[in-house]
């Protein structure tokens, strides 16, 4: 990655810890290189299960103070990643964690899942127009694994990107801005399978007794869908430290980690994405190694950005067609009464 000054990356996540698990190495790499990195978190994660016994009283069914505690965990994680611009959508605590799909928390007043998309998107439009990112990273339409807040974060992020670009929409929120590239978090199937195949080598040296099913890893898709891989190995320690900062939610024992279920899974230092809006900066048959690949240099940097294969040939990679074919109808049909999913 070169010529990072002037580059601006926006990430939209549902709960504290999602950013570190999915994008920790990416965020650390871009922050270290001088890019502007903005994280928007949509809820405080109040409904999360608590791992340390000494903090069990924070849980929603006891003191219900997990949300404020996780604000501190997220701040610590951002320090580990070198990210200085973090915001909660609409302000801390405006939207409540909705719990897992099919639970009573889905219908709670103030739950993010219950929030009109247009309302929440307006808060994000203001951030987009202020920070003016070239790149947005968020979830796929299923939120990676069906969590209501992840699904809603996807909807809000994608809608905000559309509205922010419309000069006729809420001009009081700032001048219109078009995000040039939008990515969804992904894990290539080959990487997931290889990582789980190697777990046995590390498991005896960790506190974990069992392994998570590969099918529980969010966002796993066929390798052919992956457009971009960020080699975050130089920042693997920062990612692990950020994940460790979310101590109520994650137990880290490198190269593995576990969520509240105690089941081990690989900690991936290479992070993969699917480009769904904009043009790829890679040649045919190759993957991008930079989320900003192919973009023109930011004004005033004096850098000469490479011309992408797509720009040279006039091809538009994936763009709106991907989302249209991503079972959006099935996602939109989800209701708070749908079958539950496990984390």
C-alpha atoms as a PDB file:
ATOM      1  CA  UNK A   1       0.000   0.000   0.000  1.00  0.00           C
ATOM      2  CA  UNK A   2       1.452   3.355  -1.035  1.00  0.00           C
ATOM      3  CA  UNK A   3       0.376   6.987  -1.134  1.00  0.00           C
ATOM      4  CA  UNK A   4      -2.077   6.532   1.732  1.00  0.00           C
ATOM      5  CA  UNK A   5      -2.388  10.182   2.838  1.00  0.00           C
ATOM      6  CA  UNK A   6      -5.711  11.433   1.521  1.00  0.00           C
ATOM      7  CA  UNK A   7      -7.219   7.946   1.432  1.00  0.00           C
ATOM      8  CA  UNK A   8     -10.298   7.578   3.631  1.00  0.00           C
ATOM      9  CA  UNK A   9     -11.865   4.287   4.711  1.00  0.00           C
ATOM     10  CA  UNK A  10     -15.264   3.918   6.412  1.00  0.00           C
ATOM     11  CA  UNK A  11     -16.321   0.717   8.172  1.00  0.00           C
ATOM     12  CA  UNK A  12     -19.854   0.094   9.469  1.00  0.00           C
ATOM     13  CA  UNK A  13     -20.344  -2.602  12.103  1.00  0.00           C
ATOM     14  CA  UNK A  14     -23.157  -3.784  14.348  1.00  0.00           C
ATOM     15  CA  UNK A  15     -21.472  -4.292  17.739  1.00  0.00           C
ATOM     16  CA  UNK A  16     -18.171  -3.617  19.484  1.00  0.00           C
ATOM     17  CA  UNK A  17     -15.747  -6.486  18.649  1.00  0.00           C
ATOM     18  CA  UNK A  18     -17.131  -7.088  15.127  1.00  0.00           C
ATOM     19  CA  UNK A  19     -14.587  -4.664  13.694  1.00  0.00           C
ATOM     20  CA  UNK A  20     -11.590  -6.335  15.332  1.00  0.00           C
ATOM     21  CA  UNK A  21     -12.612  -9.866  14.331  1.00  0.00           C
ATOM     22  CA  UNK A  22     -13.464  -8.985  10.730  1.00  0.00           C
ATOM     23  CA  UNK A  23     -11.184  -6.086   9.865  1.00  0.00           C
ATOM     24  CA  UNK A  24      -8.636  -5.599  12.646  1.00  0.00           C
ATOM     25  CA  UNK A  25      -5.571  -6.186  10.479  1.00  0.00           C
ATOM     26  CA  UNK A  26      -6.990  -4.084   7.644  1.00  0.00           C
ATOM     27  CA  UNK A  27      -7.741  -1.175   9.954  1.00  0.00           C
ATOM     28  CA  UNK A  28      -4.309  -1.335  11.561  1.00  0.00           C
ATOM     29  CA  UNK A  29      -2.575  -1.481   8.185  1.00  0.00           C
ATOM     30  CA  UNK A  30      -4.347   1.551   6.779  1.00  0.00           C
ATOM     31  CA  UNK A  31      -4.066   3.556   9.983  1.00  0.00           C
ATOM     32  CA  UNK A  32      -0.324   2.846  10.133  1.00  0.00           C
ATOM     33  CA  UNK A  33       0.033   3.941   6.520  1.00  0.00           C
ATOM     34  CA  UNK A  34      -1.568   7.314   7.113  1.00  0.00           C
ATOM     35  CA  UNK A  35      -5.028   6.694   5.685  1.00  0.00           C
ATOM     36  CA  UNK A  36      -8.054   8.104   7.432  1.00  0.00           C
ATOM     37  CA  UNK A  37      -9.971   5.260   9.086  1.00  0.00           C
ATOM     38  CA  UNK A  38     -13.457   5.867  10.483  1.00  0.00           C
ATOM     39  CA  UNK A  39     -15.384   3.171  12.345  1.00  0.00           C
ATOM     40  CA  UNK A  40     -19.120   3.484  12.908  1.00  0.00           C
ATOM     41  CA  UNK A  41     -20.654   1.035  15.395  1.00  0.00           C
ATOM     42  CA  UNK A  42     -24.443   0.792  15.414  1.00  0.00           C
ATOM     43  CA  UNK A  43     -25.124  -0.531  18.942  1.00  0.00           C
ATOM     44  CA  UNK A  44     -23.324  -1.013  22.250  1.00  0.00           C
ATOM     45  CA  UNK A  45     -23.736  -4.801  22.171  1.00  0.00           C
ATOM     46  CA  UNK A  46     -25.822  -4.823  25.342  1.00  0.00           C
ATOM     47  CA  UNK A  47     -27.200  -8.328  24.732  1.00  0.00           C
ATOM     48  CA  UNK A  48     -23.843 -10.069  24.427  1.00  0.00           C
ATOM     49  CA  UNK A  49     -22.976 -12.999  26.672  1.00  0.00           C
ATOM     50  CA  UNK A  50     -20.253 -12.273  29.225  1.00  0.00           C
ATOM     51  CA  UNK A  51     -17.229 -14.569  29.385  1.00  0.00           C
ATOM     52  CA  UNK A  52     -15.336 -13.580  32.587  1.00  0.00           C
ATOM     53  CA  UNK A  53     -17.240 -14.831  35.665  1.00  0.00           C
ATOM     54  CA  UNK A  54     -16.194 -11.725  37.568  1.00  0.00           C
ATOM     55  CA  UNK A  55     -18.059  -9.544  35.091  1.00  0.00           C
ATOM     56  CA  UNK A  56     -21.205 -11.673  34.829  1.00  0.00           C
ATOM     57  CA  UNK A  57     -23.181  -9.003  36.685  1.00  0.00           C
ATOM     58  CA  UNK A  58     -22.904  -6.733  33.623  1.00  0.00           C
ATOM     59  CA  UNK A  59     -25.253  -8.937  31.582  1.00  0.00           C
ATOM     60  CA  UNK A  60     -28.592  -7.704  30.284  1.00  0.00           C
ATOM     61  CA  UNK A  61     -30.523 -10.040  32.593  1.00  0.00           C
ATOM     62  CA  UNK A  62     -28.703  -8.714  35.673  1.00  0.00           C
ATOM     63  CA  UNK A  63     -27.361  -5.137  35.984  1.00  0.00           C
ATOM     64  CA  UNK A  64     -27.757  -4.436  32.257  1.00  0.00           C
ATOM     65  CA  UNK A  65     -24.554  -2.392  32.223  1.00  0.00           C
ATOM     66  CA  UNK A  66     -22.655  -4.333  29.578  1.00  0.00           C
ATOM     67  CA  UNK A  67     -23.157  -1.592  26.988  1.00  0.00           C
ATOM     68  CA  UNK A  68     -21.222   1.108  28.840  1.00  0.00           C
ATOM     69  CA  UNK A  69     -18.517  -1.419  29.682  1.00  0.00           C
ATOM     70  CA  UNK A  70     -18.133  -2.342  26.028  1.00  0.00           C
ATOM     71  CA  UNK A  71     -17.644   1.317  25.122  1.00  0.00           C
ATOM     72  CA  UNK A  72     -14.416   1.109  27.119  1.00  0.00           C
ATOM     73  CA  UNK A  73     -13.441  -2.172  25.492  1.00  0.00           C
ATOM     74  CA  UNK A  74     -13.934  -0.680  22.047  1.00  0.00           C
ATOM     75  CA  UNK A  75     -11.864   2.381  22.921  1.00  0.00           C
ATOM     76  CA  UNK A  76      -9.037   0.101  24.052  1.00  0.00           C
ATOM     77  CA  UNK A  77      -9.292  -1.934  20.852  1.00  0.00           C
ATOM     78  CA  UNK A  78      -9.073   1.213  18.727  1.00  0.00           C
ATOM     79  CA  UNK A  79      -5.897   2.231  20.540  1.00  0.00           C
ATOM     80  CA  UNK A  80      -4.360  -1.127  19.671  1.00  0.00           C
ATOM     81  CA  UNK A  81      -5.272  -0.639  15.995  1.00  0.00           C
ATOM     82  CA  UNK A  82      -4.139   2.985  15.874  1.00  0.00           C
ATOM     83  CA  UNK A  83      -7.608   4.204  14.883  1.00  0.00           C
ATOM     84  CA  UNK A  84      -8.593   7.590  16.275  1.00  0.00           C
ATOM     85  CA  UNK A  85     -11.965   8.227  14.610  1.00  0.00           C
ATOM     86  CA  UNK A  86     -14.703   6.059  16.062  1.00  0.00           C
ATOM     87  CA  UNK A  87     -18.383   6.951  16.359  1.00  0.00           C
ATOM     88  CA  UNK A  88     -21.586   5.278  17.503  1.00  0.00           C
ATOM     89  CA  UNK A  89     -24.423   5.672  15.016  1.00  0.00           C
ATOM     90  CA  UNK A  90     -26.632   8.507  16.241  1.00  0.00           C
ATOM     91  CA  UNK A  91     -24.568   8.720  19.432  1.00  0.00           C
ATOM     92  CA  UNK A  92     -23.716   6.096  22.036  1.00  0.00           C
ATOM     93  CA  UNK A  93     -26.796   4.181  23.123  1.00  0.00           C
ATOM     94  CA  UNK A  94     -29.257   5.527  20.572  1.00  0.00           C
ATOM     95  CA  UNK A  95     -29.804   2.031  19.172  1.00  0.00           C
ATOM     96  CA  UNK A  96     -29.973  -1.068  21.344  1.00  0.00           C
ATOM     97  CA  UNK A  97     -28.523  -4.481  20.535  1.00  0.00           C
ATOM     98  CA  UNK A  98     -31.414  -6.559  19.162  1.00  0.00           C
ATOM     99  CA  UNK A  99     -30.246  -9.965  20.388  1.00  0.00           C
ATOM    100  CA  UNK A 100     -30.184 -13.100  18.256  1.00  0.00           C
ATOM    101  CA  UNK A 101     -32.822 -13.673  15.586  1.00  0.00           C
ATOM    102  CA  UNK A 102     -36.141 -14.869  16.971  1.00  0.00           C
ATOM    103  CA  UNK A 103     -35.620 -13.658  20.539  1.00  0.00           C
ATOM    104  CA  UNK A 104     -37.868 -11.285  22.477  1.00  0.00           C
ATOM    105  CA  UNK A 105     -35.170  -8.617  22.314  1.00  0.00           C
ATOM    106  CA  UNK A 106     -35.869  -8.224  18.575  1.00  0.00           C
ATOM    107  CA  UNK A 107     -39.099  -6.397  19.420  1.00  0.00           C
ATOM    108  CA  UNK A 108     -37.739  -4.227  22.201  1.00  0.00           C
ATOM    109  CA  UNK A 109     -38.289  -0.477  21.929  1.00  0.00           C
ATOM    110  CA  UNK A 110     -35.137   1.113  20.565  1.00  0.00           C
ATOM    111  CA  UNK A 111     -33.719  -2.129  19.182  1.00  0.00           C
ATOM    112  CA  UNK A 112     -31.655  -1.486  16.065  1.00  0.00           C
ATOM    113  CA  UNK A 113     -33.575  -4.205  14.201  1.00  0.00           C
ATOM    114  CA  UNK A 114     -36.809  -2.234  14.759  1.00  0.00           C
ATOM    115  CA  UNK A 115     -35.396   1.075  13.562  1.00  0.00           C
ATOM    116  CA  UNK A 116     -36.581   2.435  10.200  1.00  0.00           C
ATOM    117  CA  UNK A 117     -33.670   2.164   7.785  1.00  0.00           C
ATOM    118  CA  UNK A 118     -34.205   5.712   6.520  1.00  0.00           C
ATOM    119  CA  UNK A 119     -33.927   7.108  10.043  1.00  0.00           C
ATOM    120  CA  UNK A 120     -30.676   5.344  10.861  1.00  0.00           C
ATOM    121  CA  UNK A 121     -29.248   5.999   7.403  1.00  0.00           C
ATOM    122  CA  UNK A 122     -29.624   9.747   7.899  1.00  0.00           C
ATOM    123  CA  UNK A 123     -27.138   9.641  10.780  1.00  0.00           C
ATOM    124  CA  UNK A 124     -24.687   7.742   8.610  1.00  0.00           C
ATOM    125  CA  UNK A 125     -25.172  10.107   5.664  1.00  0.00           C
ATOM    126  CA  UNK A 126     -23.956  12.953   7.845  1.00  0.00           C
ATOM    127  CA  UNK A 127     -20.801  10.999   8.693  1.00  0.00           C
ATOM    128  CA  UNK A 128     -20.218  10.066   5.047  1.00  0.00           C
ATOM    129  CA  UNK A 129     -20.536  13.660   3.926  1.00  0.00           C
ATOM    130  CA  UNK A 130     -18.222  14.837   6.689  1.00  0.00           C
ATOM    131  CA  UNK A 131     -15.464  12.238   6.288  1.00  0.00           C
ATOM    132  CA  UNK A 132     -15.910  11.734   2.502  1.00  0.00           C
ATOM    133  CA  UNK A 133     -14.518   8.188   2.255  1.00  0.00           C
ATOM    134  CA  UNK A 134     -13.510   6.640  -1.049  1.00  0.00           C
ATOM    135  CA  UNK A 135     -14.144   3.135   0.345  1.00  0.00           C
ATOM    136  CA  UNK A 136     -16.892   1.601   2.500  1.00  0.00           C
ATOM    137  CA  UNK A 137     -16.698  -1.821   4.179  1.00  0.00           C
ATOM    138  CA  UNK A 138     -19.728  -3.538   5.712  1.00  0.00           C
ATOM    139  CA  UNK A 139     -21.604  -6.874   5.765  1.00  0.00           C
ATOM    140  CA  UNK A 140     -23.404  -8.788   3.037  1.00  0.00           C
ATOM    141  CA  UNK A 141     -27.249  -8.792   2.982  1.00  0.00           C
ATOM    142  CA  UNK A 142     -27.381 -11.700   5.451  1.00  0.00           C
ATOM    143  CA  UNK A 143     -25.054  -9.913   7.846  1.00  0.00           C
ATOM    144  CA  UNK A 144     -22.545 -12.730   7.524  1.00  0.00           C
ATOM    145  CA  UNK A 145     -24.541 -15.156   9.662  1.00  0.00           C
ATOM    146  CA  UNK A 146     -28.067 -13.861  10.070  1.00  0.00           C
ATOM    147  CA  UNK A 147     -27.819 -11.682  13.173  1.00  0.00           C
ATOM    148  CA  UNK A 148     -30.540  -9.016  12.985  1.00  0.00           C
ATOM    149  CA  UNK A 149     -28.178  -6.151  13.820  1.00  0.00           C
ATOM    150  CA  UNK A 150     -25.688  -7.266  11.167  1.00  0.00           C
ATOM    151  CA  UNK A 151     -28.471  -7.427   8.580  1.00  0.00           C
ATOM    152  CA  UNK A 152     -29.686  -3.992   9.626  1.00  0.00           C
ATOM    153  CA  UNK A 153     -26.152  -2.562   9.532  1.00  0.00           C
ATOM    154  CA  UNK A 154     -25.867  -3.777   5.936  1.00  0.00           C
ATOM    155  CA  UNK A 155     -29.168  -2.179   4.987  1.00  0.00           C
ATOM    156  CA  UNK A 156     -28.331   1.112   6.673  1.00  0.00           C
ATOM    157  CA  UNK A 157     -24.832   1.295   5.192  1.00  0.00           C
ATOM    158  CA  UNK A 158     -25.975   0.558   1.651  1.00  0.00           C
ATOM    159  CA  UNK A 159     -28.875   2.996   1.870  1.00  0.00           C
ATOM    160  CA  UNK A 160     -26.701   5.722   3.354  1.00  0.00           C
ATOM    161  CA  UNK A 161     -24.226   5.333   0.499  1.00  0.00           C
ATOM    162  CA  UNK A 162     -27.058   5.972  -1.959  1.00  0.00           C
ATOM    163  CA  UNK A 163     -28.510   8.913  -0.065  1.00  0.00           C
ATOM    164  CA  UNK A 164     -25.153  10.569   0.591  1.00  0.00           C
ATOM    165  CA  UNK A 165     -24.537  10.773  -3.154  1.00  0.00           C
ATOM    166  CA  UNK A 166     -27.867  12.488  -3.838  1.00  0.00           C
ATOM    167  CA  UNK A 167     -27.440  16.287  -3.786  1.00  0.00           C
ATOM    168  CA  UNK A 168     -31.196  16.639  -3.337  1.00  0.00           C
ATOM    169  CA  UNK A 169     -31.236  14.626  -0.111  1.00  0.00           C
ATOM    170  CA  UNK A 170     -30.913  16.589   3.144  1.00  0.00           C
ATOM    171  CA  UNK A 171     -28.450  19.268   1.987  1.00  0.00           C
ATOM    172  CA  UNK A 172     -28.224  20.423   5.593  1.00  0.00           C
ATOM    173  CA  UNK A 173     -26.198  17.251   6.286  1.00  0.00           C
ATOM    174  CA  UNK A 174     -23.392  18.463   4.032  1.00  0.00           C
ATOM    175  CA  UNK A 175     -22.397  18.427   0.369  1.00  0.00           C
ATOM    176  CA  UNK A 176     -23.222  15.238  -1.524  1.00  0.00           C
ATOM    177  CA  UNK A 177     -20.489  12.610  -1.688  1.00  0.00           C
ATOM    178  CA  UNK A 178     -20.197   9.429  -3.755  1.00  0.00           C
ATOM    179  CA  UNK A 179     -18.346   6.481  -2.226  1.00  0.00           C
ATOM    180  CA  UNK A 180     -16.301   5.009  -5.069  1.00  0.00           C
ATOM    181  CA  UNK A 181     -15.930   1.418  -3.842  1.00  0.00           C
ATOM    182  CA  UNK A 182     -18.062  -0.708  -1.508  1.00  0.00           C
ATOM    183  CA  UNK A 183     -16.886  -4.039  -0.112  1.00  0.00           C
ATOM    184  CA  UNK A 184     -18.517  -6.791   1.915  1.00  0.00           C
ATOM    185  CA  UNK A 185     -16.609  -8.780   4.532  1.00  0.00           C
ATOM    186  CA  UNK A 186     -15.845 -12.293   3.298  1.00  0.00           C
ATOM    187  CA  UNK A 187     -13.778 -15.395   4.100  1.00  0.00           C
ATOM    188  CA  UNK A 188     -12.648 -17.559   1.150  1.00  0.00           C
ATOM    189  CA  UNK A 189     -13.676 -21.163   1.664  1.00  0.00           C
ATOM    190  CA  UNK A 190     -10.151 -22.440   1.030  1.00  0.00           C
ATOM    191  CA  UNK A 191      -8.732 -20.196   3.757  1.00  0.00           C
ATOM    192  CA  UNK A 192     -11.405 -21.271   6.226  1.00  0.00           C
ATOM    193  CA  UNK A 193     -10.897 -24.960   5.458  1.00  0.00           C
ATOM    194  CA  UNK A 194      -7.119 -24.677   5.722  1.00  0.00           C
ATOM    195  CA  UNK A 195      -7.347 -22.746   8.977  1.00  0.00           C
ATOM    196  CA  UNK A 196      -9.628 -25.301  10.573  1.00  0.00           C
ATOM    197  CA  UNK A 197      -7.514 -28.183   9.286  1.00  0.00           C
ATOM    198  CA  UNK A 198      -4.541 -26.731  11.176  1.00  0.00           C
ATOM    199  CA  UNK A 199      -6.334 -26.081  14.456  1.00  0.00           C
ATOM    200  CA  UNK A 200      -5.202 -29.407  15.864  1.00  0.00           C
ATOM    201  CA  UNK A 201      -1.592 -28.231  15.729  1.00  0.00           C
ATOM    202  CA  UNK A 202      -2.290 -25.356  18.141  1.00  0.00           C
ATOM    203  CA  UNK A 203      -5.223 -26.543  20.235  1.00  0.00           C
ATOM    204  CA  UNK A 204      -3.161 -28.393  22.898  1.00  0.00           C
ATOM    205  CA  UNK A 205      -1.333 -25.164  23.812  1.00  0.00           C
ATOM    206  CA  UNK A 206      -4.553 -23.166  24.283  1.00  0.00           C
ATOM    207  CA  UNK A 207      -7.273 -23.180  26.956  1.00  0.00           C
ATOM    208  CA  UNK A 208      -9.825 -24.412  24.422  1.00  0.00           C
ATOM    209  CA  UNK A 209     -11.160 -27.966  24.535  1.00  0.00           C
ATOM    210  CA  UNK A 210     -13.260 -28.051  21.375  1.00  0.00           C
ATOM    211  CA  UNK A 211     -13.418 -26.548  17.898  1.00  0.00           C
ATOM    212  CA  UNK A 212     -16.193 -24.474  16.354  1.00  0.00           C
ATOM    213  CA  UNK A 213     -17.923 -25.926  13.295  1.00  0.00           C
ATOM    214  CA  UNK A 214     -16.565 -24.380  10.118  1.00  0.00           C
ATOM    215  CA  UNK A 215     -20.139 -23.576   9.153  1.00  0.00           C
ATOM    216  CA  UNK A 216     -20.357 -21.060  11.987  1.00  0.00           C
ATOM    217  CA  UNK A 217     -17.693 -18.787  10.492  1.00  0.00           C
ATOM    218  CA  UNK A 218     -19.533 -15.740   9.106  1.00  0.00           C
ATOM    219  CA  UNK A 219     -19.150 -14.741   5.485  1.00  0.00           C
ATOM    220  CA  UNK A 220     -17.524 -17.886   4.069  1.00  0.00           C
ATOM    221  CA  UNK A 221     -18.008 -18.055   0.291  1.00  0.00           C
ATOM    222  CA  UNK A 222     -16.427 -19.741  -2.693  1.00  0.00           C
ATOM    223  CA  UNK A 223     -12.972 -18.452  -3.569  1.00  0.00           C
ATOM    224  CA  UNK A 224     -14.141 -17.238  -6.970  1.00  0.00           C
ATOM    225  CA  UNK A 225     -16.203 -14.523  -5.272  1.00  0.00           C
ATOM    226  CA  UNK A 226     -13.230 -13.003  -3.473  1.00  0.00           C
ATOM    227  CA  UNK A 227     -11.980  -9.863  -5.198  1.00  0.00           C
ATOM    228  CA  UNK A 228      -9.578  -8.486  -2.608  1.00  0.00           C
ATOM    229  CA  UNK A 229      -7.197  -9.789   0.048  1.00  0.00           C
ATOM    230  CA  UNK A 230      -5.394  -7.602   2.551  1.00  0.00           C
ATOM    231  CA  UNK A 231      -2.234  -9.250   3.851  1.00  0.00           C
ATOM    232  CA  UNK A 232      -2.419  -8.147   7.452  1.00  0.00           C
ATOM    233  CA  UNK A 233       0.317 -10.416   8.769  1.00  0.00           C
ATOM    234  CA  UNK A 234       2.553  -7.465   9.736  1.00  0.00           C
ATOM    235  CA  UNK A 235      -0.372  -6.277  11.880  1.00  0.00           C
ATOM    236  CA  UNK A 236      -1.484  -9.641  13.265  1.00  0.00           C
ATOM    237  CA  UNK A 237      -0.296  -8.731  16.762  1.00  0.00           C
ATOM    238  CA  UNK A 238      -2.336  -5.524  16.704  1.00  0.00           C
ATOM    239  CA  UNK A 239      -5.419  -7.439  15.580  1.00  0.00           C
ATOM    240  CA  UNK A 240      -4.968 -10.007  18.343  1.00  0.00           C
ATOM    241  CA  UNK A 241      -4.485  -7.241  20.919  1.00  0.00           C
ATOM    242  CA  UNK A 242      -7.619  -5.463  19.729  1.00  0.00           C
ATOM    243  CA  UNK A 243      -9.626  -8.669  19.960  1.00  0.00           C
ATOM    244  CA  UNK A 244      -8.194  -9.294  23.423  1.00  0.00           C
ATOM    245  CA  UNK A 245      -9.411  -5.836  24.475  1.00  0.00           C
ATOM    246  CA  UNK A 246     -12.978  -7.095  23.995  1.00  0.00           C
ATOM    247  CA  UNK A 247     -12.506  -9.307  27.031  1.00  0.00           C
ATOM    248  CA  UNK A 248     -16.192  -9.790  27.815  1.00  0.00           C
ATOM    249  CA  UNK A 249     -16.746 -11.300  24.369  1.00  0.00           C
ATOM    250  CA  UNK A 250     -13.537 -12.940  23.140  1.00  0.00           C
ATOM    251  CA  UNK A 251     -10.829 -15.193  24.528  1.00  0.00           C
ATOM    252  CA  UNK A 252      -7.628 -14.978  22.473  1.00  0.00           C
ATOM    253  CA  UNK A 253      -4.902 -17.609  22.522  1.00  0.00           C
ATOM    254  CA  UNK A 254      -2.930 -17.079  19.340  1.00  0.00           C
ATOM    255  CA  UNK A 255      -3.299 -18.318  16.694  1.00  0.00           C
ATOM    256  CA  UNK A 256      -6.821 -19.163  17.870  1.00  0.00           C
ATOM    257  CA  UNK A 257      -9.696 -17.409  19.582  1.00  0.00           C
ATOM    258  CA  UNK A 258     -13.111 -18.295  20.945  1.00  0.00           C
ATOM    259  CA  UNK A 259     -16.347 -16.459  21.554  1.00  0.00           C
ATOM    260  CA  UNK A 260     -18.617 -17.054  24.538  1.00  0.00           C
ATOM    261  CA  UNK A 261     -19.267 -20.641  23.437  1.00  0.00           C
ATOM    262  CA  UNK A 262     -15.613 -21.482  24.141  1.00  0.00           C
ATOM    263  CA  UNK A 263     -15.134 -23.158  20.759  1.00  0.00           C
ATOM    264  CA  UNK A 264     -11.812 -22.482  19.064  1.00  0.00           C
ATOM    265  CA  UNK A 265     -11.525 -20.989  15.603  1.00  0.00           C
ATOM    266  CA  UNK A 266      -8.622 -19.545  13.612  1.00  0.00           C
ATOM    267  CA  UNK A 267      -7.580 -15.927  13.972  1.00  0.00           C
ATOM    268  CA  UNK A 268      -7.067 -14.880  10.348  1.00  0.00           C
ATOM    269  CA  UNK A 269      -4.399 -12.204   9.721  1.00  0.00           C
ATOM    270  CA  UNK A 270      -5.267 -12.140   6.013  1.00  0.00           C
ATOM    271  CA  UNK A 271      -8.646 -10.471   5.526  1.00  0.00           C
ATOM    272  CA  UNK A 272     -10.755 -10.926   2.401  1.00  0.00           C
ATOM    273  CA  UNK A 273     -13.450  -8.882   0.717  1.00  0.00           C
ATOM    274  CA  UNK A 274     -15.899  -8.910  -2.154  1.00  0.00           C
ATOM    275  CA  UNK A 275     -16.125  -5.717  -4.208  1.00  0.00           C
ATOM    276  CA  UNK A 276     -19.807  -5.052  -4.918  1.00  0.00           C
ATOM    277  CA  UNK A 277     -19.828  -1.407  -6.042  1.00  0.00           C
ATOM    278  CA  UNK A 278     -17.154   0.275  -8.128  1.00  0.00           C
ATOM    279  CA  UNK A 279     -14.342  -0.960 -10.331  1.00  0.00           C
ATOM    280  CA  UNK A 280     -11.640  -3.440  -9.487  1.00  0.00           C
ATOM    281  CA  UNK A 281      -8.051  -2.292  -9.598  1.00  0.00           C
ATOM    282  CA  UNK A 282      -6.812  -5.786 -10.454  1.00  0.00           C
ATOM    283  CA  UNK A 283      -6.216  -7.454 -13.798  1.00  0.00           C
ATOM    284  CA  UNK A 284      -8.433 -10.319 -14.922  1.00  0.00           C
ATOM    285  CA  UNK A 285      -7.927 -13.411 -12.793  1.00  0.00           C
ATOM    286  CA  UNK A 286      -6.114 -11.508 -10.042  1.00  0.00           C
ATOM    287  CA  UNK A 287      -7.179 -10.152  -6.685  1.00  0.00           C
ATOM    288  CA  UNK A 288      -6.656  -6.655  -5.404  1.00  0.00           C
ATOM    289  CA  UNK A 289      -4.172  -6.255  -2.563  1.00  0.00           C
ATOM    290  CA  UNK A 290      -5.443  -2.785  -1.668  1.00  0.00           C
ATOM    291  CA  UNK A 291      -8.996  -1.566  -1.067  1.00  0.00           C
ATOM    292  CA  UNK A 292      -8.082   1.675  -2.849  1.00  0.00           C
ATOM    293  CA  UNK A 293      -6.616  -0.062  -5.906  1.00  0.00           C
ATOM    294  CA  UNK A 294      -7.429   1.669  -9.158  1.00  0.00           C
ATOM    295  CA  UNK A 295      -8.697   4.897  -7.612  1.00  0.00           C
ATOM    296  CA  UNK A 296      -7.399   8.263  -8.728  1.00  0.00           C
ATOM    297  CA  UNK A 297      -4.956   9.898  -6.289  1.00  0.00           C
ATOM    298  CA  UNK A 298      -6.627  12.157  -3.717  1.00  0.00           C
ATOM    299  CA  UNK A 299      -6.440  15.834  -4.567  1.00  0.00           C
ATOM    300  CA  UNK A 300      -3.234  17.454  -3.398  1.00  0.00           C
ATOM    301  CA  UNK A 301      -1.219  14.267  -2.868  1.00  0.00           C
ATOM    302  CA  UNK A 302       0.652  14.442  -6.144  1.00  0.00           C
ATOM    303  CA  UNK A 303       0.522  10.655  -6.368  1.00  0.00           C
ATOM    304  CA  UNK A 304       0.022   8.790  -9.591  1.00  0.00           C
ATOM    305  CA  UNK A 305      -2.467   5.985  -8.999  1.00  0.00           C
ATOM    306  CA  UNK A 306      -2.427   2.976 -11.312  1.00  0.00           C
ATOM    307  CA  UNK A 307      -5.138   2.678 -13.927  1.00  0.00           C
ATOM    308  CA  UNK A 308      -7.214  -0.414 -13.242  1.00  0.00           C
ATOM    309  CA  UNK A 309      -7.888  -3.125 -15.774  1.00  0.00           C
ATOM    310  CA  UNK A 310     -11.586  -2.357 -15.462  1.00  0.00           C
ATOM    311  CA  UNK A 311     -11.014   1.308 -16.277  1.00  0.00           C
ATOM    312  CA  UNK A 312      -8.863   0.420 -19.257  1.00  0.00           C
ATOM    313  CA  UNK A 313     -11.412  -2.001 -20.694  1.00  0.00           C
ATOM    314  CA  UNK A 314     -14.584  -0.228 -19.607  1.00  0.00           C
ATOM    315  CA  UNK A 315     -15.734  -3.188 -17.529  1.00  0.00           C
ATOM    316  CA  UNK A 316     -17.627  -2.596 -14.309  1.00  0.00           C
ATOM    317  CA  UNK A 317     -16.905  -5.346 -11.801  1.00  0.00           C
ATOM    318  CA  UNK A 318     -19.873  -6.827  -9.890  1.00  0.00           C
ATOM    319  CA  UNK A 319     -21.440  -3.443  -9.046  1.00  0.00           C
ATOM    320  CA  UNK A 320     -25.197  -3.495  -8.367  1.00  0.00           C
ATOM    321  CA  UNK A 321     -25.692  -6.905  -9.998  1.00  0.00           C
ATOM    322  CA  UNK A 322     -24.045  -8.688  -7.065  1.00  0.00           C
ATOM    323  CA  UNK A 323     -26.464  -7.343  -4.514  1.00  0.00           C
ATOM    324  CA  UNK A 324     -29.431  -8.010  -6.767  1.00  0.00           C
ATOM    325  CA  UNK A 325     -28.489 -11.692  -6.927  1.00  0.00           C
ATOM    326  CA  UNK A 326     -27.488 -12.081  -3.247  1.00  0.00           C
ATOM    327  CA  UNK A 327     -30.868 -13.406  -2.045  1.00  0.00           C
ATOM    328  CA  UNK A 328     -31.970  -9.945  -0.993  1.00  0.00           C
ATOM    329  CA  UNK A 329     -35.599 -11.040  -1.138  1.00  0.00           C
ATOM    330  CA  UNK A 330     -34.912 -13.718   1.447  1.00  0.00           C
ATOM    331  CA  UNK A 331     -33.215 -11.236   3.736  1.00  0.00           C
ATOM    332  CA  UNK A 332     -36.036  -8.731   3.427  1.00  0.00           C
ATOM    333  CA  UNK A 333     -38.469 -11.499   4.350  1.00  0.00           C
ATOM    334  CA  UNK A 334     -36.787 -12.020   7.724  1.00  0.00           C
ATOM    335  CA  UNK A 335     -38.912 -11.065  10.704  1.00  0.00           C
ATOM    336  CA  UNK A 336     -38.230 -11.001  14.437  1.00  0.00           C
ATOM    337  CA  UNK A 337     -40.149 -14.278  14.650  1.00  0.00           C
ATOM    338  CA  UNK A 338     -37.827 -16.136  12.319  1.00  0.00           C
ATOM    339  CA  UNK A 339     -35.791 -19.127  13.414  1.00  0.00           C
ATOM    340  CA  UNK A 340     -32.928 -18.282  15.729  1.00  0.00           C
ATOM    341  CA  UNK A 341     -29.276 -18.561  14.822  1.00  0.00           C
ATOM    342  CA  UNK A 342     -26.344 -19.212  17.092  1.00  0.00           C
ATOM    343  CA  UNK A 343     -23.217 -17.134  17.319  1.00  0.00           C
END
